[in-house]
Amino acid sequence: MKNIFLLILSLFLFAGCEKEIDLDLENQSGNIVIEANVTDQIGPYYV
């Protein structure tokens, strides 16, 4: 029973680790955008 409670609690905590941020950007054409992913796989890594 304790393990089930910890599992459910962990799921709620990890589901809440997402935050959406709205940035008030005016005309920002020409800026550089870098997109990346974090994984547990070994390299090589690219930017």
PDB file of N, CA and C in Angstrom:
ATOM      1  N   MET A   1       0.828  -1.189   0.000  1.00  0.00           N
ATOM      2  CA  MET A   1       0.000   0.000   0.000  1.00  0.00           C
ATOM      3  C   MET A   1       0.879   1.261   0.000  1.00  0.00           C
ATOM      4  N   LYS A   2       1.962   1.208   0.760  1.00  0.00           N
ATOM      5  CA  LYS A   2       2.862   2.360   0.818  1.00  0.00           C
ATOM      6  C   LYS A   2       3.526   2.598  -0.536  1.00  0.00           C
ATOM      7  N   ASN A   3       3.878   1.516  -1.239  1.00  0.00           N
ATOM      8  CA  ASN A   3       4.514   1.656  -2.551  1.00  0.00           C
ATOM      9  C   ASN A   3       3.559   2.279  -3.561  1.00  0.00           C
ATOM     10  N   ILE A   4       2.294   1.904  -3.500  1.00  0.00           N
ATOM     11  CA  ILE A   4       1.303   2.469  -4.423  1.00  0.00           C
ATOM     12  C   ILE A   4       1.137   3.963  -4.152  1.00  0.00           C
ATOM     13  N   PHE A   5       1.089   4.329  -2.876  1.00  0.00           N
ATOM     14  CA  PHE A   5       0.970   5.744  -2.518  1.00  0.00           C
ATOM     15  C   PHE A   5       2.166   6.536  -3.032  1.00  0.00           C
ATOM     16  N   LEU A   6       3.370   6.003  -2.862  1.00  0.00           N
ATOM     17  CA  LEU A   6       4.572   6.698  -3.339  1.00  0.00           C
ATOM     18  C   LEU A   6       4.580   6.815  -4.860  1.00  0.00           C
ATOM     19  N   LEU A   7       4.101   5.790  -5.543  1.00  0.00           N
ATOM     20  CA  LEU A   7       4.031   5.824  -7.002  1.00  0.00           C
ATOM     21  C   LEU A   7       3.062   6.910  -7.470  1.00  0.00           C
ATOM     22  N   ILE A   8       1.893   6.963  -6.865  1.00  0.00           N
ATOM     23  CA  ILE A   8       0.909   7.974  -7.249  1.00  0.00           C
ATOM     24  C   ILE A   8       1.419   9.371  -6.916  1.00  0.00           C
ATOM     25  N   LEU A   9       2.038   9.534  -5.767  1.00  0.00           N
ATOM     26  CA  LEU A   9       2.601  10.827  -5.389  1.00  0.00           C
ATOM     27  C   LEU A   9       3.688  11.259  -6.374  1.00  0.00           C
ATOM     28  N   SER A  10       4.538  10.331  -6.776  1.00  0.00           N
ATOM     29  CA  SER A  10       5.601  10.640  -7.740  1.00  0.00           C
ATOM     30  C   SER A  10       5.021  11.063  -9.083  1.00  0.00           C
ATOM     31  N   LEU A  11       3.963  10.387  -9.519  1.00  0.00           N
ATOM     32  CA  LEU A  11       3.343  10.748 -10.794  1.00  0.00           C
ATOM     33  C   LEU A  11       2.785  12.167 -10.753  1.00  0.00           C
ATOM     34  N   PHE A  12       2.158  12.544  -9.651  1.00  0.00           N
ATOM     35  CA  PHE A  12       1.638  13.902  -9.533  1.00  0.00           C
ATOM     36  C   PHE A  12       2.763  14.929  -9.495  1.00  0.00           C
ATOM     37  N   LEU A  13       3.856  14.618  -8.821  1.00  0.00           N
ATOM     38  CA  LEU A  13       4.964  15.566  -8.744  1.00  0.00           C
ATOM     39  C   LEU A  13       5.630  15.763 -10.100  1.00  0.00           C
ATOM     40  N   PHE A  14       5.842  14.668 -10.838  1.00  0.00           N
ATOM     41  CA  PHE A  14       6.498  14.782 -12.134  1.00  0.00           C
ATOM     42  C   PHE A  14       5.580  15.386 -13.184  1.00  0.00           C
ATOM     43  N   ALA A  15       4.282  15.216 -13.039  1.00  0.00           N
ATOM     44  CA  ALA A  15       3.346  15.822 -13.986  1.00  0.00           C
ATOM     45  C   ALA A  15       3.307  17.334 -13.806  1.00  0.00           C
ATOM     46  N   GLY A  16       3.671  17.820 -12.634  1.00  0.00           N
ATOM     47  CA  GLY A  16       3.644  19.251 -12.368  1.00  0.00           C
ATOM     48  C   GLY A  16       4.935  19.956 -12.727  1.00  0.00           C
ATOM     49  N   CYS A  17       5.884  19.280 -13.333  1.00  0.00           N
ATOM     50  CA  CYS A  17       7.182  19.882 -13.655  1.00  0.00           C
ATOM     51  C   CYS A  17       7.171  20.505 -15.047  1.00  0.00           C
ATOM     52  N   GLU A  18       6.058  21.053 -15.440  1.00  0.00           N
ATOM     53  CA  GLU A  18       5.945  21.652 -16.756  1.00  0.00           C
ATOM     54  C   GLU A  18       5.373  23.050 -16.580  1.00  0.00           C
ATOM     55  N   LYS A  19       6.037  24.031 -17.158  1.00  0.00           N
ATOM     56  CA  LYS A  19       5.581  25.401 -17.001  1.00  0.00           C
ATOM     57  C   LYS A  19       5.618  26.096 -18.355  1.00  0.00           C
ATOM     58  N   GLU A  20       4.518  26.738 -18.705  1.00  0.00           N
ATOM     59  CA  GLU A  20       4.438  27.464 -19.965  1.00  0.00           C
ATOM     60  C   GLU A  20       4.653  28.944 -19.685  1.00  0.00           C
ATOM     61  N   ILE A  21       5.536  29.542 -20.454  1.00  0.00           N
ATOM     62  CA  ILE A  21       5.873  30.950 -20.267  1.00  0.00           C
ATOM     63  C   ILE A  21       5.502  31.704 -21.540  1.00  0.00           C
ATOM     64  N   ASP A  22       4.685  32.731 -21.395  1.00  0.00           N
ATOM     65  CA  ASP A  22       4.339  33.593 -22.522  1.00  0.00           C
ATOM     66  C   ASP A  22       5.244  34.818 -22.482  1.00  0.00           C
ATOM     67  N   LEU A  23       6.039  34.980 -23.520  1.00  0.00           N
ATOM     68  CA  LEU A  23       6.943  36.120 -23.606  1.00  0.00           C
ATOM     69  C   LEU A  23       6.313  37.200 -24.470  1.00  0.00           C
ATOM     70  N   ASP A  24       6.365  38.420 -24.009  1.00  0.00           N
ATOM     71  CA  ASP A  24       5.828  39.550 -24.760  1.00  0.00           C
ATOM     72  C   ASP A  24       6.920  40.067 -25.697  1.00  0.00           C
ATOM     73  N   LEU A  25       6.993  39.460 -26.864  1.00  0.00           N
ATOM     74  CA  LEU A  25       8.021  39.831 -27.835  1.00  0.00           C
ATOM     75  C   LEU A  25       7.399  40.662 -28.943  1.00  0.00           C
ATOM     76  N   GLU A  26       8.047  41.750 -29.255  1.00  0.00           N
ATOM     77  CA  GLU A  26       7.605  42.553 -30.384  1.00  0.00           C
ATOM     78  C   GLU A  26       8.234  41.954 -31.638  1.00  0.00           C
ATOM     79  N   ASN A  27       8.373  42.703 -32.673  1.00  0.00           N
ATOM     80  CA  ASN A  27       8.942  42.202 -33.917  1.00  0.00           C
ATOM     81  C   ASN A  27      10.413  41.851 -33.686  1.00  0.00           C
ATOM     82  N   GLN A  28      10.726  40.601 -33.521  1.00  0.00           N
ATOM     83  CA  GLN A  28      12.078  40.140 -33.205  1.00  0.00           C
ATOM     84  C   GLN A  28      12.645  39.302 -34.348  1.00  0.00           C
ATOM     85  N   SER A  29      12.406  39.694 -35.573  1.00  0.00           N
ATOM     86  CA  SER A  29      12.925  38.925 -36.696  1.00  0.00           C
ATOM     87  C   SER A  29      14.444  39.038 -36.756  1.00  0.00           C
ATOM     88  N   GLY A  30      15.082  37.976 -37.181  1.00  0.00           N
ATOM     89  CA  GLY A  30      16.526  37.972 -37.307  1.00  0.00           C
ATOM     90  C   GLY A  30      17.259  37.443 -36.097  1.00  0.00           C
ATOM     91  N   ASN A  31      16.559  37.067 -35.046  1.00  0.00           N
ATOM     92  CA  ASN A  31      17.226  36.507 -33.868  1.00  0.00           C
ATOM     93  C   ASN A  31      17.544  35.035 -34.084  1.00  0.00           C
ATOM     94  N   ILE A  32      18.545  34.549 -33.416  1.00  0.00           N
ATOM     95  CA  ILE A  32      18.950  33.152 -33.507  1.00  0.00           C
ATOM     96  C   ILE A  32      18.161  32.344 -32.486  1.00  0.00           C
ATOM     97  N   VAL A  33      17.629  31.209 -32.938  1.00  0.00           N
ATOM     98  CA  VAL A  33      16.884  30.308 -32.059  1.00  0.00           C
ATOM     99  C   VAL A  33      17.643  28.998 -31.979  1.00  0.00           C
ATOM    100  N   ILE A  34      17.911  28.529 -30.767  1.00  0.00           N
ATOM    101  CA  ILE A  34      18.604  27.259 -30.561  1.00  0.00           C
ATOM    102  C   ILE A  34      17.622  26.289 -29.926  1.00  0.00           C
ATOM    103  N   GLU A  35      17.436  25.132 -30.565  1.00  0.00           N
ATOM    104  CA  GLU A  35      16.537  24.104 -30.050  1.00  0.00           C
ATOM    105  C   GLU A  35      17.376  22.903 -29.646  1.00  0.00           C
ATOM    106  N   ALA A  36      17.075  22.317 -28.491  1.00  0.00           N
ATOM    107  CA  ALA A  36      17.878  21.198 -28.001  1.00  0.00           C
ATOM    108  C   ALA A  36      16.990  20.197 -27.276  1.00  0.00           C
ATOM    109  N   ASN A  37      17.489  18.987 -27.139  1.00  0.00           N
ATOM    110  CA  ASN A  37      16.840  17.926 -26.373  1.00  0.00           C
ATOM    111  C   ASN A  37      17.842  17.351 -25.393  1.00  0.00           C
ATOM    112  N   VAL A  38      17.379  16.992 -24.216  1.00  0.00           N
ATOM    113  CA  VAL A  38      18.227  16.355 -23.217  1.00  0.00           C
ATOM    114  C   VAL A  38      17.901  14.869 -23.229  1.00  0.00           C
ATOM    115  N   THR A  39      18.920  14.034 -23.479  1.00  0.00           N
ATOM    116  CA  THR A  39      18.710  12.587 -23.511  1.00  0.00           C
ATOM    117  C   THR A  39      19.774  11.899 -22.671  1.00  0.00           C
ATOM    118  N   ASP A  40      19.584  10.602 -22.490  1.00  0.00           N
ATOM    119  CA  ASP A  40      20.559   9.811 -21.751  1.00  0.00           C
ATOM    120  C   ASP A  40      21.441   8.993 -22.691  1.00  0.00           C
ATOM    121  N   GLN A  41      21.402   9.300 -23.981  1.00  0.00           N
ATOM    122  CA  GLN A  41      22.204   8.569 -24.950  1.00  0.00           C
ATOM    123  C   GLN A  41      23.600   9.172 -25.026  1.00  0.00           C
ATOM    124  N   ILE A  42      24.565   8.332 -25.397  1.00  0.00           N
ATOM    125  CA  ILE A  42      25.932   8.815 -25.516  1.00  0.00           C
ATOM    126  C   ILE A  42      26.096   9.605 -26.811  1.00  0.00           C
ATOM    127  N   GLY A  43      27.073  10.517 -26.852  1.00  0.00           N
ATOM    128  CA  GLY A  43      27.301  11.465 -27.932  1.00  0.00           C
ATOM    129  C   GLY A  43      27.600  10.827 -29.254  1.00  0.00           C
ATOM    130  N   PRO A  44      27.958  11.556 -30.261  1.00  0.00           N
ATOM    131  CA  PRO A  44      28.350  12.961 -30.300  1.00  0.00           C
ATOM    132  C   PRO A  44      27.139  13.886 -30.175  1.00  0.00           C
ATOM    133  N   TYR A  45      27.392  15.110 -29.725  1.00  0.00           N
ATOM    134  CA  TYR A  45      26.345  16.092 -29.498  1.00  0.00           C
ATOM    135  C   TYR A  45      26.490  17.221 -30.510  1.00  0.00           C
ATOM    136  N   TYR A  46      25.379  17.757 -30.950  1.00  0.00           N
ATOM    137  CA  TYR A  46      25.377  18.829 -31.948  1.00  0.00           C
ATOM    138  C   TYR A  46      24.557  19.997 -31.434  1.00  0.00           C
ATOM    139  N   VAL A  47      24.938  21.192 -31.851  1.00  0.00           N
ATOM    140  CA  VAL A  47      24.154  22.401 -31.554  1.00  0.00           C
ATOM    141  C   VAL A  47      23.794  23.032 -32.875  1.00  0.00           C
TER     142      VAL A  47
END
